[in-house]
């Protein structure tokens, strides 16, 4: 197998450059539909294919709102306080704020922020 004809998970014909079909099942040969070049599919059996997506791929309104929430630094000045025990440090009081992340007919998400240790979590 020549690595020059493999780019990611794409396999190209080394003779004419045509995109070859991925070997599968009981295929013993990979045959180019353009020039009839044939190569053993065993050459590609151990080939590892790794795919990744960037964080900006597959954007949606909900993902954009969550990204906004994660980027927003919590403000401690003038925050609303609640008698809620911090799950991390046990502080008996936490700051909170709400944000509408889902559709309008569903409840708001409540974000809690411990002013003592900085732990942040939300209810849903």
C-alpha atoms as a PDB file:
ATOM      1  CA  UNK A   1       0.000   0.000   0.000  1.00  0.00           C
ATOM      2  CA  UNK A   2       1.380   3.360  -0.990  1.00  0.00           C
ATOM      3  CA  UNK A   3       0.625   6.060   1.580  1.00  0.00           C
ATOM      4  CA  UNK A   4       0.604   8.675  -1.193  1.00  0.00           C
ATOM      5  CA  UNK A   5      -2.733   7.350  -2.471  1.00  0.00           C
ATOM      6  CA  UNK A   6      -4.417   7.365   0.980  1.00  0.00           C
ATOM      7  CA  UNK A   7      -5.681  10.613   2.476  1.00  0.00           C
ATOM      8  CA  UNK A   8      -7.594  10.160   5.742  1.00  0.00           C
ATOM      9  CA  UNK A   9     -10.207   7.512   5.006  1.00  0.00           C
ATOM     10  CA  UNK A  10     -10.098   8.104   1.228  1.00  0.00           C
ATOM     11  CA  UNK A  11      -8.231   5.694  -1.023  1.00  0.00           C
ATOM     12  CA  UNK A  12      -7.268   6.833  -4.516  1.00  0.00           C
ATOM     13  CA  UNK A  13      -6.172   4.719  -7.471  1.00  0.00           C
ATOM     14  CA  UNK A  14      -2.363   4.943  -7.823  1.00  0.00           C
ATOM     15  CA  UNK A  15      -2.705   4.643 -11.625  1.00  0.00           C
ATOM     16  CA  UNK A  16      -5.378   7.225 -12.543  1.00  0.00           C
ATOM     17  CA  UNK A  17      -6.221   9.035  -9.258  1.00  0.00           C
ATOM     18  CA  UNK A  18      -9.882   7.939  -9.215  1.00  0.00           C
ATOM     19  CA  UNK A  19     -11.512   7.579  -5.772  1.00  0.00           C
ATOM     20  CA  UNK A  20     -11.708   3.877  -4.910  1.00  0.00           C
ATOM     21  CA  UNK A  21     -14.543   2.194  -3.052  1.00  0.00           C
ATOM     22  CA  UNK A  22     -13.753   1.290   0.567  1.00  0.00           C
ATOM     23  CA  UNK A  23     -13.132  -2.464   0.812  1.00  0.00           C
ATOM     24  CA  UNK A  24     -15.753  -4.314   2.781  1.00  0.00           C
ATOM     25  CA  UNK A  25     -17.299  -7.690   3.382  1.00  0.00           C
ATOM     26  CA  UNK A  26     -15.823 -10.529   1.376  1.00  0.00           C
ATOM     27  CA  UNK A  27     -14.146  -8.358  -1.280  1.00  0.00           C
ATOM     28  CA  UNK A  28     -10.696  -9.783  -2.029  1.00  0.00           C
ATOM     29  CA  UNK A  29      -9.836  -7.054  -4.517  1.00  0.00           C
ATOM     30  CA  UNK A  30     -10.400  -3.324  -4.783  1.00  0.00           C
ATOM     31  CA  UNK A  31     -10.987  -2.549  -8.452  1.00  0.00           C
ATOM     32  CA  UNK A  32     -10.861   0.952  -9.929  1.00  0.00           C
ATOM     33  CA  UNK A  33     -14.045   1.698 -11.870  1.00  0.00           C
ATOM     34  CA  UNK A  34     -12.124   4.041 -14.183  1.00  0.00           C
ATOM     35  CA  UNK A  35      -8.970   2.174 -15.278  1.00  0.00           C
ATOM     36  CA  UNK A  36      -9.616  -1.365 -13.879  1.00  0.00           C
ATOM     37  CA  UNK A  37      -6.508  -1.256 -11.647  1.00  0.00           C
ATOM     38  CA  UNK A  38      -6.864  -3.975  -9.001  1.00  0.00           C
ATOM     39  CA  UNK A  39      -5.262  -4.225  -5.591  1.00  0.00           C
ATOM     40  CA  UNK A  40      -5.681  -6.697  -2.741  1.00  0.00           C
ATOM     41  CA  UNK A  41      -8.091  -5.454  -0.085  1.00  0.00           C
ATOM     42  CA  UNK A  42      -5.827  -7.096   2.523  1.00  0.00           C
ATOM     43  CA  UNK A  43      -3.460  -4.147   2.027  1.00  0.00           C
ATOM     44  CA  UNK A  44      -6.031  -1.938   3.773  1.00  0.00           C
ATOM     45  CA  UNK A  45      -7.404  -4.296   6.456  1.00  0.00           C
ATOM     46  CA  UNK A  46      -5.165  -2.958   9.236  1.00  0.00           C
ATOM     47  CA  UNK A  47      -5.619   0.678   8.217  1.00  0.00           C
ATOM     48  CA  UNK A  48      -6.790   2.739  11.197  1.00  0.00           C
ATOM     49  CA  UNK A  49      -9.190   5.583  10.391  1.00  0.00           C
ATOM     50  CA  UNK A  50      -9.629   8.373  12.934  1.00  0.00           C
ATOM     51  CA  UNK A  51     -12.130  11.172  12.339  1.00  0.00           C
ATOM     52  CA  UNK A  52     -12.644  14.293  14.402  1.00  0.00           C
ATOM     53  CA  UNK A  53     -14.994  17.275  14.245  1.00  0.00           C
ATOM     54  CA  UNK A  54     -14.089  20.799  15.154  1.00  0.00           C
ATOM     55  CA  UNK A  55     -16.083  22.502  17.878  1.00  0.00           C
ATOM     56  CA  UNK A  56     -17.598  24.830  15.291  1.00  0.00           C
ATOM     57  CA  UNK A  57     -18.961  21.955  13.185  1.00  0.00           C
ATOM     58  CA  UNK A  58     -22.678  21.151  13.331  1.00  0.00           C
ATOM     59  CA  UNK A  59     -23.845  24.455  14.767  1.00  0.00           C
ATOM     60  CA  UNK A  60     -27.300  24.686  16.312  1.00  0.00           C
ATOM     61  CA  UNK A  61     -29.087  27.436  18.246  1.00  0.00           C
ATOM     62  CA  UNK A  62     -28.877  25.398  21.476  1.00  0.00           C
ATOM     63  CA  UNK A  63     -25.152  24.726  21.052  1.00  0.00           C
ATOM     64  CA  UNK A  64     -24.557  28.430  20.396  1.00  0.00           C
ATOM     65  CA  UNK A  65     -26.422  29.362  23.605  1.00  0.00           C
ATOM     66  CA  UNK A  66     -24.484  26.815  25.640  1.00  0.00           C
ATOM     67  CA  UNK A  67     -21.234  28.134  24.183  1.00  0.00           C
ATOM     68  CA  UNK A  68     -22.291  31.643  25.209  1.00  0.00           C
ATOM     69  CA  UNK A  69     -23.005  30.464  28.750  1.00  0.00           C
ATOM     70  CA  UNK A  70     -19.636  28.706  29.015  1.00  0.00           C
ATOM     71  CA  UNK A  71     -17.791  31.811  27.783  1.00  0.00           C
ATOM     72  CA  UNK A  72     -19.607  34.222  30.082  1.00  0.00           C
ATOM     73  CA  UNK A  73     -17.661  34.882  33.265  1.00  0.00           C
ATOM     74  CA  UNK A  74     -19.875  34.628  36.334  1.00  0.00           C
ATOM     75  CA  UNK A  75     -20.374  37.926  38.085  1.00  0.00           C
ATOM     76  CA  UNK A  76     -20.264  37.934  41.853  1.00  0.00           C
ATOM     77  CA  UNK A  77     -21.166  41.571  42.447  1.00  0.00           C
ATOM     78  CA  UNK A  78     -24.897  41.967  43.054  1.00  0.00           C
ATOM     79  CA  UNK A  79     -25.618  38.274  42.403  1.00  0.00           C
ATOM     80  CA  UNK A  80     -28.787  36.724  43.714  1.00  0.00           C
ATOM     81  CA  UNK A  81     -28.008  34.418  46.625  1.00  0.00           C
ATOM     82  CA  UNK A  82     -29.753  31.231  47.723  1.00  0.00           C
ATOM     83  CA  UNK A  83     -29.443  28.883  50.690  1.00  0.00           C
ATOM     84  CA  UNK A  84     -27.998  26.010  48.649  1.00  0.00           C
ATOM     85  CA  UNK A  85     -25.130  23.870  49.916  1.00  0.00           C
ATOM     86  CA  UNK A  86     -22.136  23.692  47.548  1.00  0.00           C
ATOM     87  CA  UNK A  87     -21.608  20.048  46.538  1.00  0.00           C
ATOM     88  CA  UNK A  88     -17.839  20.598  46.354  1.00  0.00           C
ATOM     89  CA  UNK A  89     -16.857  22.570  49.474  1.00  0.00           C
ATOM     90  CA  UNK A  90     -20.036  22.544  51.584  1.00  0.00           C
ATOM     91  CA  UNK A  91     -20.462  26.348  51.656  1.00  0.00           C
ATOM     92  CA  UNK A  92     -24.108  26.892  52.739  1.00  0.00           C
ATOM     93  CA  UNK A  93     -24.828  29.746  50.297  1.00  0.00           C
ATOM     94  CA  UNK A  94     -24.474  30.034  46.514  1.00  0.00           C
ATOM     95  CA  UNK A  95     -25.066  32.702  43.884  1.00  0.00           C
ATOM     96  CA  UNK A  96     -27.443  31.827  41.048  1.00  0.00           C
ATOM     97  CA  UNK A  97     -28.815  33.086  37.757  1.00  0.00           C
ATOM     98  CA  UNK A  98     -31.244  31.678  35.192  1.00  0.00           C
ATOM     99  CA  UNK A  99     -31.142  31.435  31.411  1.00  0.00           C
ATOM    100  CA  UNK A 100     -33.622  30.156  28.819  1.00  0.00           C
ATOM    101  CA  UNK A 101     -31.703  27.460  26.907  1.00  0.00           C
ATOM    102  CA  UNK A 102     -34.555  25.292  25.634  1.00  0.00           C
ATOM    103  CA  UNK A 103     -37.821  26.109  23.920  1.00  0.00           C
ATOM    104  CA  UNK A 104     -40.145  28.676  25.457  1.00  0.00           C
ATOM    105  CA  UNK A 105     -42.591  26.063  26.763  1.00  0.00           C
ATOM    106  CA  UNK A 106     -39.900  24.492  28.969  1.00  0.00           C
ATOM    107  CA  UNK A 107     -38.465  25.869  32.192  1.00  0.00           C
ATOM    108  CA  UNK A 108     -35.361  27.982  32.507  1.00  0.00           C
ATOM    109  CA  UNK A 109     -32.002  26.484  33.444  1.00  0.00           C
ATOM    110  CA  UNK A 110     -30.681  27.616  36.837  1.00  0.00           C
ATOM    111  CA  UNK A 111     -26.903  28.065  37.140  1.00  0.00           C
ATOM    112  CA  UNK A 112     -25.355  27.926  40.629  1.00  0.00           C
ATOM    113  CA  UNK A 113     -21.962  29.435  41.475  1.00  0.00           C
ATOM    114  CA  UNK A 114     -20.159  28.933  44.773  1.00  0.00           C
ATOM    115  CA  UNK A 115     -18.520  32.220  45.738  1.00  0.00           C
ATOM    116  CA  UNK A 116     -16.152  30.428  48.108  1.00  0.00           C
ATOM    117  CA  UNK A 117     -14.561  27.770  45.862  1.00  0.00           C
ATOM    118  CA  UNK A 118     -15.802  28.811  42.386  1.00  0.00           C
ATOM    119  CA  UNK A 119     -17.664  25.558  41.671  1.00  0.00           C
ATOM    120  CA  UNK A 120     -20.364  25.979  39.004  1.00  0.00           C
ATOM    121  CA  UNK A 121     -23.210  23.642  38.082  1.00  0.00           C
ATOM    122  CA  UNK A 122     -26.723  23.821  36.647  1.00  0.00           C
ATOM    123  CA  UNK A 123     -30.021  22.044  37.117  1.00  0.00           C
ATOM    124  CA  UNK A 124     -30.630  20.885  33.690  1.00  0.00           C
END
